[in-house]
Amino acid sequence: WCLIFTTIVNALFGVAFALTPVLCFRMFTQDEAVLAYAGMCMF
């Protein structure tokens, strides 16, 4: 059951990270030089 629950959690966040990488990074910084690495990090 733990395997099932963890799969659900990671699948949901995986979709969010893949679709909104820059938005996720903007919660921490507005520095464009840092935001340039958002897509790479989330991939």
PDB file of all heavy atoms in Angstrom:
ATOM      1  N   TRP A   1       0.825  -1.207   0.000  1.00  0.00           N
ATOM      2  CA  TRP A   1       0.000   0.000   0.000  1.00  0.00           C
ATOM      3  C   TRP A   1       0.858   1.256   0.000  1.00  0.00           C
ATOM      4  O   TRP A   1       0.507   2.261  -0.623  1.00  0.00           O
ATOM      5  CB  TRP A   1      -0.958  -0.004   1.190  1.00  0.00           C
ATOM      6  CG  TRP A   1      -2.188  -0.814   0.918  1.00  0.00           C
ATOM      7  CD1 TRP A   1      -2.538  -2.008   1.459  1.00  0.00           C
ATOM      8  CD2 TRP A   1      -3.232  -0.470  -0.002  1.00  0.00           C
ATOM      9  NE1 TRP A   1      -3.739  -2.454   0.936  1.00  0.00           N
ATOM     10  CE2 TRP A   1      -4.183  -1.512   0.036  1.00  0.00           C
ATOM     11  CE3 TRP A   1      -3.462   0.609  -0.852  1.00  0.00           C
ATOM     12  CZ2 TRP A   1      -5.342  -1.505  -0.725  1.00  0.00           C
ATOM     13  CZ3 TRP A   1      -4.613   0.628  -1.634  1.00  0.00           C
ATOM     14  CH2 TRP A   1      -5.537  -0.429  -1.561  1.00  0.00           C
ATOM     15  N   CYS A   2       1.991   1.201   0.667  1.00  0.00           N
ATOM     16  CA  CYS A   2       2.905   2.346   0.644  1.00  0.00           C
ATOM     17  C   CYS A   2       3.399   2.603  -0.779  1.00  0.00           C
ATOM     18  O   CYS A   2       3.468   3.757  -1.220  1.00  0.00           O
ATOM     19  CB  CYS A   2       4.085   2.105   1.584  1.00  0.00           C
ATOM     20  SG  CYS A   2       5.256   3.484   1.676  1.00  0.00           S
ATOM     21  N   LEU A   3       3.721   1.546  -1.512  1.00  0.00           N
ATOM     22  CA  LEU A   3       4.156   1.691  -2.906  1.00  0.00           C
ATOM     23  C   LEU A   3       3.070   2.339  -3.756  1.00  0.00           C
ATOM     24  O   LEU A   3       3.356   3.191  -4.613  1.00  0.00           O
ATOM     25  CB  LEU A   3       4.535   0.322  -3.483  1.00  0.00           C
ATOM     26  CG  LEU A   3       5.795  -0.335  -2.914  1.00  0.00           C
ATOM     27  CD1 LEU A   3       5.919  -1.765  -3.430  1.00  0.00           C
ATOM     28  CD2 LEU A   3       7.034   0.466  -3.281  1.00  0.00           C
ATOM     29  N   ILE A   4       1.839   1.958  -3.541  1.00  0.00           N
ATOM     30  CA  ILE A   4       0.720   2.531  -4.299  1.00  0.00           C
ATOM     31  C   ILE A   4       0.566   4.025  -3.981  1.00  0.00           C
ATOM     32  O   ILE A   4       0.452   4.871  -4.882  1.00  0.00           O
ATOM     33  CB  ILE A   4      -0.587   1.777  -3.987  1.00  0.00           C
ATOM     34  CG1 ILE A   4      -0.518   0.346  -4.543  1.00  0.00           C
ATOM     35  CG2 ILE A   4      -1.798   2.518  -4.569  1.00  0.00           C
ATOM     36  CD1 ILE A   4      -1.668  -0.542  -4.105  1.00  0.00           C
ATOM     37  N   PHE A   5       0.572   4.356  -2.700  1.00  0.00           N
ATOM     38  CA  PHE A   5       0.383   5.752  -2.297  1.00  0.00           C
ATOM     39  C   PHE A   5       1.526   6.653  -2.781  1.00  0.00           C
ATOM     40  O   PHE A   5       1.291   7.772  -3.244  1.00  0.00           O
ATOM     41  CB  PHE A   5       0.248   5.846  -0.766  1.00  0.00           C
ATOM     42  CG  PHE A   5      -1.003   5.224  -0.223  1.00  0.00           C
ATOM     43  CD1 PHE A   5      -0.991   4.570   1.008  1.00  0.00           C
ATOM     44  CD2 PHE A   5      -2.192   5.295  -0.918  1.00  0.00           C
ATOM     45  CE1 PHE A   5      -2.142   3.997   1.527  1.00  0.00           C
ATOM     46  CE2 PHE A   5      -3.359   4.721  -0.409  1.00  0.00           C
ATOM     47  CZ  PHE A   5      -3.329   4.072   0.813  1.00  0.00           C
ATOM     48  N   THR A   6       2.760   6.174  -2.687  1.00  0.00           N
ATOM     49  CA  THR A   6       3.893   7.002  -3.122  1.00  0.00           C
ATOM     50  C   THR A   6       3.891   7.206  -4.635  1.00  0.00           C
ATOM     51  O   THR A   6       4.301   8.263  -5.122  1.00  0.00           O
ATOM     52  CB  THR A   6       5.237   6.382  -2.692  1.00  0.00           C
ATOM     53  OG1 THR A   6       5.316   5.025  -3.149  1.00  0.00           O
ATOM     54  CG2 THR A   6       5.393   6.409  -1.182  1.00  0.00           C
ATOM     55  N   THR A   7       3.417   6.214  -5.374  1.00  0.00           N
ATOM     56  CA  THR A   7       3.314   6.351  -6.830  1.00  0.00           C
ATOM     57  C   THR A   7       2.316   7.442  -7.202  1.00  0.00           C
ATOM     58  O   THR A   7       2.564   8.262  -8.097  1.00  0.00           O
ATOM     59  CB  THR A   7       2.897   5.020  -7.475  1.00  0.00           C
ATOM     60  OG1 THR A   7       3.884   4.028  -7.197  1.00  0.00           O
ATOM     61  CG2 THR A   7       2.736   5.173  -8.977  1.00  0.00           C
ATOM     62  N   ILE A   8       1.201   7.492  -6.505  1.00  0.00           N
ATOM     63  CA  ILE A   8       0.185   8.515  -6.764  1.00  0.00           C
ATOM     64  C   ILE A   8       0.751   9.909  -6.495  1.00  0.00           C
ATOM     65  O   ILE A   8       0.593  10.832  -7.307  1.00  0.00           O
ATOM     66  CB  ILE A   8      -1.065   8.260  -5.900  1.00  0.00           C
ATOM     67  CG1 ILE A   8      -1.760   6.961  -6.346  1.00  0.00           C
ATOM     68  CG2 ILE A   8      -2.036   9.440  -5.985  1.00  0.00           C
ATOM     69  CD1 ILE A   8      -2.887   6.521  -5.428  1.00  0.00           C
ATOM     70  N   VAL A   9       1.413  10.067  -5.363  1.00  0.00           N
ATOM     71  CA  VAL A   9       1.976  11.378  -4.992  1.00  0.00           C
ATOM     72  C   VAL A   9       3.002  11.840  -6.023  1.00  0.00           C
ATOM     73  O   VAL A   9       2.957  12.977  -6.513  1.00  0.00           O
ATOM     74  CB  VAL A   9       2.616  11.315  -3.589  1.00  0.00           C
ATOM     75  CG1 VAL A   9       3.404  12.598  -3.306  1.00  0.00           C
ATOM     76  CG2 VAL A   9       1.553  11.111  -2.526  1.00  0.00           C
ATOM     77  N   ASN A  10       3.926  10.970  -6.386  1.00  0.00           N
ATOM     78  CA  ASN A  10       4.987  11.356  -7.325  1.00  0.00           C
ATOM     79  C   ASN A  10       4.452  11.625  -8.721  1.00  0.00           C
ATOM     80  O   ASN A  10       4.981  12.499  -9.436  1.00  0.00           O
ATOM     81  CB  ASN A  10       6.059  10.264  -7.372  1.00  0.00           C
ATOM     82  CG  ASN A  10       7.004  10.330  -6.195  1.00  0.00           C
ATOM     83  OD1 ASN A  10       7.648  11.339  -5.964  1.00  0.00           O
ATOM     84  ND2 ASN A  10       7.090   9.249  -5.427  1.00  0.00           N
ATOM     85  N   ALA A  11       3.418  10.896  -9.124  1.00  0.00           N
ATOM     86  CA  ALA A  11       2.829  11.127 -10.446  1.00  0.00           C
ATOM     87  C   ALA A  11       2.204  12.518 -10.518  1.00  0.00           C
ATOM     88  O   ALA A  11       2.366  13.241 -11.522  1.00  0.00           O
ATOM     89  CB  ALA A  11       1.779  10.060 -10.743  1.00  0.00           C
ATOM     90  N   LEU A  12       1.503  12.921  -9.480  1.00  0.00           N
ATOM     91  CA  LEU A  12       0.860  14.238  -9.462  1.00  0.00           C
ATOM     92  C   LEU A  12       1.895  15.360  -9.528  1.00  0.00           C
ATOM     93  O   LEU A  12       1.753  16.316 -10.305  1.00  0.00           O
ATOM     94  CB  LEU A  12      -0.008  14.382  -8.205  1.00  0.00           C
ATOM     95  CG  LEU A  12      -1.251  13.487  -8.142  1.00  0.00           C
ATOM     96  CD1 LEU A  12      -1.925  13.615  -6.781  1.00  0.00           C
ATOM     97  CD2 LEU A  12      -2.233  13.862  -9.248  1.00  0.00           C
ATOM     98  N   PHE A  13       2.937  15.249  -8.725  1.00  0.00           N
ATOM     99  CA  PHE A  13       3.964  16.291  -8.726  1.00  0.00           C
ATOM    100  C   PHE A  13       4.786  16.258 -10.005  1.00  0.00           C
ATOM    101  O   PHE A  13       5.241  17.306 -10.476  1.00  0.00           O
ATOM    102  CB  PHE A  13       4.868  16.157  -7.498  1.00  0.00           C
ATOM    103  CG  PHE A  13       4.292  16.804  -6.268  1.00  0.00           C
ATOM    104  CD1 PHE A  13       3.563  16.044  -5.361  1.00  0.00           C
ATOM    105  CD2 PHE A  13       4.451  18.154  -6.038  1.00  0.00           C
ATOM    106  CE1 PHE A  13       3.017  16.632  -4.233  1.00  0.00           C
ATOM    107  CE2 PHE A  13       3.912  18.755  -4.915  1.00  0.00           C
ATOM    108  CZ  PHE A  13       3.194  17.998  -4.001  1.00  0.00           C
ATOM    109  N   GLY A  14       4.983  15.072 -10.567  1.00  0.00           N
ATOM    110  CA  GLY A  14       5.724  14.978 -11.812  1.00  0.00           C
ATOM    111  C   GLY A  14       5.046  15.760 -12.927  1.00  0.00           C
ATOM    112  O   GLY A  14       5.717  16.459 -13.709  1.00  0.00           O
ATOM    113  N   VAL A  15       3.739  15.674 -13.014  1.00  0.00           N
ATOM    114  CA  VAL A  15       2.985  16.426 -14.020  1.00  0.00           C
ATOM    115  C   VAL A  15       3.134  17.925 -13.785  1.00  0.00           C
ATOM    116  O   VAL A  15       3.375  18.704 -14.721  1.00  0.00           O
ATOM    117  CB  VAL A  15       1.505  16.016 -13.995  1.00  0.00           C
ATOM    118  CG1 VAL A  15       0.681  16.938 -14.887  1.00  0.00           C
ATOM    119  CG2 VAL A  15       1.337  14.567 -14.437  1.00  0.00           C
ATOM    120  N   ALA A  16       3.006  18.338 -12.523  1.00  0.00           N
ATOM    121  CA  ALA A  16       3.117  19.760 -12.196  1.00  0.00           C
ATOM    122  C   ALA A  16       4.504  20.309 -12.518  1.00  0.00           C
ATOM    123  O   ALA A  16       4.646  21.393 -13.097  1.00  0.00           O
ATOM    124  CB  ALA A  16       2.794  19.982 -10.719  1.00  0.00           C
ATOM    125  N   PHE A  17       5.543  19.566 -12.175  1.00  0.00           N
ATOM    126  CA  PHE A  17       6.913  20.019 -12.439  1.00  0.00           C
ATOM    127  C   PHE A  17       7.194  20.092 -13.939  1.00  0.00           C
ATOM    128  O   PHE A  17       7.883  20.992 -14.412  1.00  0.00           O
ATOM    129  CB  PHE A  17       7.922  19.083 -11.777  1.00  0.00           C
ATOM    130  CG  PHE A  17       7.956  19.190 -10.275  1.00  0.00           C
ATOM    131  CD1 PHE A  17       8.416  18.131  -9.514  1.00  0.00           C
ATOM    132  CD2 PHE A  17       7.524  20.334  -9.626  1.00  0.00           C
ATOM    133  CE1 PHE A  17       8.464  18.217  -8.126  1.00  0.00           C
ATOM    134  CE2 PHE A  17       7.563  20.438  -8.238  1.00  0.00           C
ATOM    135  CZ  PHE A  17       8.036  19.371  -7.483  1.00  0.00           C
ATOM    136  N   ALA A  18       6.678  19.120 -14.691  1.00  0.00           N
ATOM    137  CA  ALA A  18       6.941  19.078 -16.128  1.00  0.00           C
ATOM    138  C   ALA A  18       6.243  20.224 -16.865  1.00  0.00           C
ATOM    139  O   ALA A  18       6.786  20.768 -17.832  1.00  0.00           O
ATOM    140  CB  ALA A  18       6.491  17.742 -16.710  1.00  0.00           C
ATOM    141  N   LEU A  19       5.050  20.597 -16.407  1.00  0.00           N
ATOM    142  CA  LEU A  19       4.257  21.598 -17.119  1.00  0.00           C
ATOM    143  C   LEU A  19       4.540  23.036 -16.683  1.00  0.00           C
ATOM    144  O   LEU A  19       4.325  23.969 -17.464  1.00  0.00           O
ATOM    145  CB  LEU A  19       2.758  21.294 -16.939  1.00  0.00           C
ATOM    146  CG  LEU A  19       2.265  19.977 -17.530  1.00  0.00           C
ATOM    147  CD1 LEU A  19       0.768  19.806 -17.274  1.00  0.00           C
ATOM    148  CD2 LEU A  19       2.560  19.902 -19.028  1.00  0.00           C
ATOM    149  N   THR A  20       5.028  23.223 -15.451  1.00  0.00           N
ATOM    150  CA  THR A  20       5.193  24.598 -14.934  1.00  0.00           C
ATOM    151  C   THR A  20       6.559  24.809 -14.273  1.00  0.00           C
ATOM    152  O   THR A  20       6.629  25.253 -13.118  1.00  0.00           O
ATOM    153  CB  THR A  20       4.077  24.931 -13.931  1.00  0.00           C
ATOM    154  OG1 THR A  20       4.156  24.000 -12.823  1.00  0.00           O
ATOM    155  CG2 THR A  20       2.710  24.844 -14.564  1.00  0.00           C
ATOM    156  N   PRO A  21       7.659  24.537 -14.955  1.00  0.00           N
ATOM    157  CA  PRO A  21       8.974  24.652 -14.310  1.00  0.00           C
ATOM    158  C   PRO A  21       9.318  26.073 -13.875  1.00  0.00           C
ATOM    159  O   PRO A  21       9.792  26.296 -12.762  1.00  0.00           O
ATOM    160  CB  PRO A  21       9.939  24.142 -15.378  1.00  0.00           C
ATOM    161  CG  PRO A  21       9.222  24.318 -16.668  1.00  0.00           C
ATOM    162  CD  PRO A  21       7.786  24.092 -16.358  1.00  0.00           C
ATOM    163  N   VAL A  22       9.098  27.050 -14.749  1.00  0.00           N
ATOM    164  CA  VAL A  22       9.459  28.428 -14.415  1.00  0.00           C
ATOM    165  C   VAL A  22       8.576  28.963 -13.295  1.00  0.00           C
ATOM    166  O   VAL A  22       9.049  29.659 -12.380  1.00  0.00           O
ATOM    167  CB  VAL A  22       9.363  29.332 -15.658  1.00  0.00           C
ATOM    168  CG1 VAL A  22       9.643  30.789 -15.289  1.00  0.00           C
ATOM    169  CG2 VAL A  22      10.341  28.867 -16.733  1.00  0.00           C
ATOM    170  N   LEU A  23       7.300  28.626 -13.338  1.00  0.00           N
ATOM    171  CA  LEU A  23       6.381  29.063 -12.282  1.00  0.00           C
ATOM    172  C   LEU A  23       6.831  28.527 -10.929  1.00  0.00           C
ATOM    173  O   LEU A  23       6.776  29.243  -9.916  1.00  0.00           O
ATOM    174  CB  LEU A  23       4.957  28.593 -12.604  1.00  0.00           C
ATOM    175  CG  LEU A  23       3.876  28.997 -11.596  1.00  0.00           C
ATOM    176  CD1 LEU A  23       3.758  30.513 -11.515  1.00  0.00           C
ATOM    177  CD2 LEU A  23       2.525  28.376 -11.999  1.00  0.00           C
ATOM    178  N   CYS A  24       7.272  27.288 -10.894  1.00  0.00           N
ATOM    179  CA  CYS A  24       7.765  26.695  -9.650  1.00  0.00           C
ATOM    180  C   CYS A  24       8.990  27.456  -9.139  1.00  0.00           C
ATOM    181  O   CYS A  24       9.103  27.752  -7.946  1.00  0.00           O
ATOM    182  CB  CYS A  24       8.131  25.225  -9.869  1.00  0.00           C
ATOM    183  SG  CYS A  24       6.725  24.135 -10.184  1.00  0.00           S
ATOM    184  N   PHE A  25       9.895  27.800 -10.036  1.00  0.00           N
ATOM    185  CA  PHE A  25      11.108  28.530  -9.650  1.00  0.00           C
ATOM    186  C   PHE A  25      10.794  29.944  -9.167  1.00  0.00           C
ATOM    187  O   PHE A  25      11.490  30.486  -8.297  1.00  0.00           O
ATOM    188  CB  PHE A  25      12.093  28.577 -10.818  1.00  0.00           C
ATOM    189  CG  PHE A  25      13.203  27.570 -10.728  1.00  0.00           C
ATOM    190  CD1 PHE A  25      12.928  26.221 -10.598  1.00  0.00           C
ATOM    191  CD2 PHE A  25      14.527  27.975 -10.760  1.00  0.00           C
ATOM    192  CE1 PHE A  25      13.938  25.282 -10.518  1.00  0.00           C
ATOM    193  CE2 PHE A  25      15.561  27.050 -10.669  1.00  0.00           C
ATOM    194  CZ  PHE A  25      15.268  25.692 -10.547  1.00  0.00           C
ATOM    195  N   ARG A  26       9.755  30.550  -9.736  1.00  0.00           N
ATOM    196  CA  ARG A  26       9.424  31.931  -9.375  1.00  0.00           C
ATOM    197  C   ARG A  26       8.953  32.057  -7.925  1.00  0.00           C
ATOM    198  O   ARG A  26       8.913  33.160  -7.373  1.00  0.00           O
ATOM    199  CB  ARG A  26       8.363  32.504 -10.314  1.00  0.00           C
ATOM    200  CG  ARG A  26       8.909  32.891 -11.675  1.00  0.00           C
ATOM    201  CD  ARG A  26       7.935  33.749 -12.457  1.00  0.00           C
ATOM    202  NE  ARG A  26       8.448  34.062 -13.782  1.00  0.00           N
ATOM    203  CZ  ARG A  26       9.306  35.041 -14.042  1.00  0.00           C
ATOM    204  NH1 ARG A  26       9.739  35.801 -13.045  1.00  0.00           N
ATOM    205  NH2 ARG A  26       9.726  35.259 -15.274  1.00  0.00           N
ATOM    206  N   MET A  27       8.594  30.966  -7.300  1.00  0.00           N
ATOM    207  CA  MET A  27       8.244  31.026  -5.878  1.00  0.00           C
ATOM    208  C   MET A  27       9.454  31.391  -5.031  1.00  0.00           C
ATOM    209  O   MET A  27       9.325  31.893  -3.915  1.00  0.00           O
ATOM    210  CB  MET A  27       7.668  29.681  -5.417  1.00  0.00           C
ATOM    211  CG  MET A  27       6.324  29.329  -6.002  1.00  0.00           C
ATOM    212  SD  MET A  27       5.616  27.853  -5.236  1.00  0.00           S
ATOM    213  CE  MET A  27       6.784  26.582  -5.741  1.00  0.00           C
ATOM    214  N   PHE A  28      10.656  31.151  -5.574  1.00  0.00           N
ATOM    215  CA  PHE A  28      11.886  31.376  -4.816  1.00  0.00           C
ATOM    216  C   PHE A  28      12.673  32.603  -5.280  1.00  0.00           C
ATOM    217  O   PHE A  28      13.388  33.206  -4.494  1.00  0.00           O
ATOM    218  CB  PHE A  28      12.790  30.140  -4.926  1.00  0.00           C
ATOM    219  CG  PHE A  28      12.191  28.897  -4.342  1.00  0.00           C
ATOM    220  CD1 PHE A  28      11.384  28.068  -5.103  1.00  0.00           C
ATOM    221  CD2 PHE A  28      12.427  28.565  -3.022  1.00  0.00           C
ATOM    222  CE1 PHE A  28      10.828  26.918  -4.566  1.00  0.00           C
ATOM    223  CE2 PHE A  28      11.866  27.423  -2.468  1.00  0.00           C
ATOM    224  CZ  PHE A  28      11.076  26.600  -3.239  1.00  0.00           C
ATOM    225  N   THR A  29      12.572  32.927  -6.550  1.00  0.00           N
ATOM    226  CA  THR A  29      13.407  34.011  -7.062  1.00  0.00           C
ATOM    227  C   THR A  29      12.794  34.626  -8.320  1.00  0.00           C
ATOM    228  O   THR A  29      12.060  33.952  -9.045  1.00  0.00           O
ATOM    229  CB  THR A  29      14.823  33.499  -7.388  1.00  0.00           C
ATOM    230  OG1 THR A  29      15.633  34.586  -7.841  1.00  0.00           O
ATOM    231  CG2 THR A  29      14.790  32.419  -8.454  1.00  0.00           C
ATOM    232  N   GLN A  30      13.115  35.897  -8.539  1.00  0.00           N
ATOM    233  CA  GLN A  30      12.727  36.574  -9.777  1.00  0.00           C
ATOM    234  C   GLN A  30      13.947  36.843 -10.660  1.00  0.00           C
ATOM    235  O   GLN A  30      13.839  37.508 -11.685  1.00  0.00           O
ATOM    236  CB  GLN A  30      12.035  37.904  -9.434  1.00  0.00           C
ATOM    237  CG  GLN A  30      10.808  37.758  -8.550  1.00  0.00           C
ATOM    238  CD  GLN A  30       9.745  36.864  -9.157  1.00  0.00           C
ATOM    239  OE1 GLN A  30       9.465  36.932 -10.356  1.00  0.00           O
ATOM    240  NE2 GLN A  30       9.142  36.017  -8.339  1.00  0.00           N
ATOM    241  N   ASP A  31      15.092  36.328 -10.237  1.00  0.00           N
ATOM    242  CA  ASP A  31      16.351  36.536 -10.964  1.00  0.00           C
ATOM    243  C   ASP A  31      16.315  35.745 -12.272  1.00  0.00           C
ATOM    244  O   ASP A  31      16.274  34.513 -12.278  1.00  0.00           O
ATOM    245  CB  ASP A  31      17.523  36.079 -10.095  1.00  0.00           C
ATOM    246  CG  ASP A  31      18.869  36.502 -10.655  1.00  0.00           C
ATOM    247  OD1 ASP A  31      19.008  36.556 -11.884  1.00  0.00           O
ATOM    248  OD2 ASP A  31      19.784  36.762  -9.839  1.00  0.00           O
ATOM    249  N   GLU A  32      16.342  36.457 -13.400  1.00  0.00           N
ATOM    250  CA  GLU A  32      16.224  35.812 -14.713  1.00  0.00           C
ATOM    251  C   GLU A  32      17.377  34.857 -14.992  1.00  0.00           C
ATOM    252  O   GLU A  32      17.212  33.836 -15.671  1.00  0.00           O
ATOM    253  CB  GLU A  32      16.145  36.866 -15.811  1.00  0.00           C
ATOM    254  CG  GLU A  32      14.861  37.688 -15.798  1.00  0.00           C
ATOM    255  CD  GLU A  32      13.609  36.836 -16.020  1.00  0.00           C
ATOM    256  OE1 GLU A  32      13.708  35.818 -16.738  1.00  0.00           O
ATOM    257  OE2 GLU A  32      12.547  37.190 -15.484  1.00  0.00           O
ATOM    258  N   ALA A  33      18.555  35.178 -14.449  1.00  0.00           N
ATOM    259  CA  ALA A  33      19.713  34.304 -14.670  1.00  0.00           C
ATOM    260  C   ALA A  33      19.515  32.952 -13.999  1.00  0.00           C
ATOM    261  O   ALA A  33      19.975  31.920 -14.502  1.00  0.00           O
ATOM    262  CB  ALA A  33      20.980  34.974 -14.146  1.00  0.00           C
ATOM    263  N   VAL A  34      18.830  32.933 -12.872  1.00  0.00           N
ATOM    264  CA  VAL A  34      18.532  31.679 -12.166  1.00  0.00           C
ATOM    265  C   VAL A  34      17.361  30.973 -12.841  1.00  0.00           C
ATOM    266  O   VAL A  34      17.370  29.751 -13.032  1.00  0.00           O
ATOM    267  CB  VAL A  34      18.224  31.940 -10.680  1.00  0.00           C
ATOM    268  CG1 VAL A  34      17.873  30.632  -9.967  1.00  0.00           C
ATOM    269  CG2 VAL A  34      19.416  32.607  -9.997  1.00  0.00           C
ATOM    270  N   LEU A  35      16.351  31.736 -13.244  1.00  0.00           N
ATOM    271  CA  LEU A  35      15.166  31.157 -13.890  1.00  0.00           C
ATOM    272  C   LEU A  35      15.521  30.458 -15.203  1.00  0.00           C
ATOM    273  O   LEU A  35      14.801  29.559 -15.641  1.00  0.00           O
ATOM    274  CB  LEU A  35      14.130  32.250 -14.152  1.00  0.00           C
ATOM    275  CG  LEU A  35      13.465  32.877 -12.921  1.00  0.00           C
ATOM    276  CD1 LEU A  35      12.572  34.041 -13.336  1.00  0.00           C
ATOM    277  CD2 LEU A  35      12.647  31.829 -12.159  1.00  0.00           C
ATOM    278  N   ALA A  36      16.613  30.853 -15.811  1.00  0.00           N
ATOM    279  CA  ALA A  36      17.020  30.240 -17.083  1.00  0.00           C
ATOM    280  C   ALA A  36      17.309  28.752 -16.928  1.00  0.00           C
ATOM    281  O   ALA A  36      17.267  28.000 -17.911  1.00  0.00           O
ATOM    282  CB  ALA A  36      18.254  30.961 -17.625  1.00  0.00           C
ATOM    283  N   TYR A  37      17.605  28.308 -15.707  1.00  0.00           N
ATOM    284  CA  TYR A  37      17.913  26.898 -15.457  1.00  0.00           C
ATOM    285  C   TYR A  37      16.683  26.093 -15.010  1.00  0.00           C
ATOM    286  O   TYR A  37      16.799  24.899 -14.740  1.00  0.00           O
ATOM    287  CB  TYR A  37      19.001  26.786 -14.389  1.00  0.00           C
ATOM    288  CG  TYR A  37      20.344  27.297 -14.833  1.00  0.00           C
ATOM    289  CD1 TYR A  37      20.748  28.591 -14.545  1.00  0.00           C
ATOM    290  CD2 TYR A  37      21.205  26.487 -15.569  1.00  0.00           C
ATOM    291  CE1 TYR A  37      21.971  29.075 -14.967  1.00  0.00           C
ATOM    292  CE2 TYR A  37      22.434  26.966 -16.000  1.00  0.00           C
ATOM    293  CZ  TYR A  37      22.813  28.261 -15.688  1.00  0.00           C
ATOM    294  OH  TYR A  37      24.030  28.730 -16.115  1.00  0.00           O
ATOM    295  N   ALA A  38      15.519  26.726 -14.930  1.00  0.00           N
ATOM    296  CA  ALA A  38      14.330  26.069 -14.393  1.00  0.00           C
ATOM    297  C   ALA A  38      13.939  24.833 -15.195  1.00  0.00           C
ATOM    298  O   ALA A  38      13.688  23.759 -14.639  1.00  0.00           O
ATOM    299  CB  ALA A  38      13.168  27.060 -14.331  1.00  0.00           C
ATOM    300  N   GLY A  39      13.860  24.958 -16.522  1.00  0.00           N
ATOM    301  CA  GLY A  39      13.441  23.832 -17.353  1.00  0.00           C
ATOM    302  C   GLY A  39      14.392  22.659 -17.240  1.00  0.00           C
ATOM    303  O   GLY A  39      13.970  21.499 -17.136  1.00  0.00           O
ATOM    304  N   MET A  40      15.693  22.935 -17.234  1.00  0.00           N
ATOM    305  CA  MET A  40      16.703  21.897 -17.111  1.00  0.00           C
ATOM    306  C   MET A  40      16.573  21.158 -15.770  1.00  0.00           C
ATOM    307  O   MET A  40      16.593  19.926 -15.717  1.00  0.00           O
ATOM    308  CB  MET A  40      18.102  22.517 -17.221  1.00  0.00           C
ATOM    309  CG  MET A  40      19.247  21.536 -17.081  1.00  0.00           C
ATOM    310  SD  MET A  40      20.840  22.393 -16.912  1.00  0.00           S
ATOM    311  CE  MET A  40      20.901  23.320 -18.430  1.00  0.00           C
ATOM    312  N   CYS A  41      16.420  21.922 -14.696  1.00  0.00           N
ATOM    313  CA  CYS A  41      16.310  21.317 -13.364  1.00  0.00           C
ATOM    314  C   CYS A  41      15.067  20.445 -13.241  1.00  0.00           C
ATOM    315  O   CYS A  41      15.116  19.330 -12.726  1.00  0.00           O
ATOM    316  CB  CYS A  41      16.284  22.401 -12.291  1.00  0.00           C
ATOM    317  SG  CYS A  41      17.843  23.271 -12.062  1.00  0.00           S
ATOM    318  N   MET A  42      13.946  20.951 -13.734  1.00  0.00           N
ATOM    319  CA  MET A  42      12.703  20.200 -13.603  1.00  0.00           C
ATOM    320  C   MET A  42      12.690  18.949 -14.479  1.00  0.00           C
ATOM    321  O   MET A  42      12.122  17.918 -14.117  1.00  0.00           O
ATOM    322  CB  MET A  42      11.507  21.091 -13.965  1.00  0.00           C
ATOM    323  CG  MET A  42      11.258  22.220 -12.984  1.00  0.00           C
ATOM    324  SD  MET A  42      10.826  21.662 -11.301  1.00  0.00           S
ATOM    325  CE  MET A  42      12.423  21.686 -10.503  1.00  0.00           C
ATOM    326  N   PHE A  43      13.354  19.012 -15.630  1.00  0.00           N
ATOM    327  CA  PHE A  43      13.473  17.837 -16.501  1.00  0.00           C
ATOM    328  C   PHE A  43      14.188  16.697 -15.774  1.00  0.00           C
ATOM    329  O   PHE A  43      13.744  15.545 -15.782  1.00  0.00           O
ATOM    330  CB  PHE A  43      14.222  18.224 -17.779  1.00  0.00           C
ATOM    331  CG  PHE A  43      14.694  17.046 -18.595  1.00  0.00           C
ATOM    332  CD1 PHE A  43      13.796  16.264 -19.295  1.00  0.00           C
ATOM    333  CD2 PHE A  43      16.047  16.722 -18.635  1.00  0.00           C
ATOM    334  CE1 PHE A  43      14.239  15.171 -20.032  1.00  0.00           C
ATOM    335  CE2 PHE A  43      16.497  15.638 -19.370  1.00  0.00           C
ATOM    336  CZ  PHE A  43      15.587  14.864 -20.072  1.00  0.00           C
TER     337      PHE A  43
END
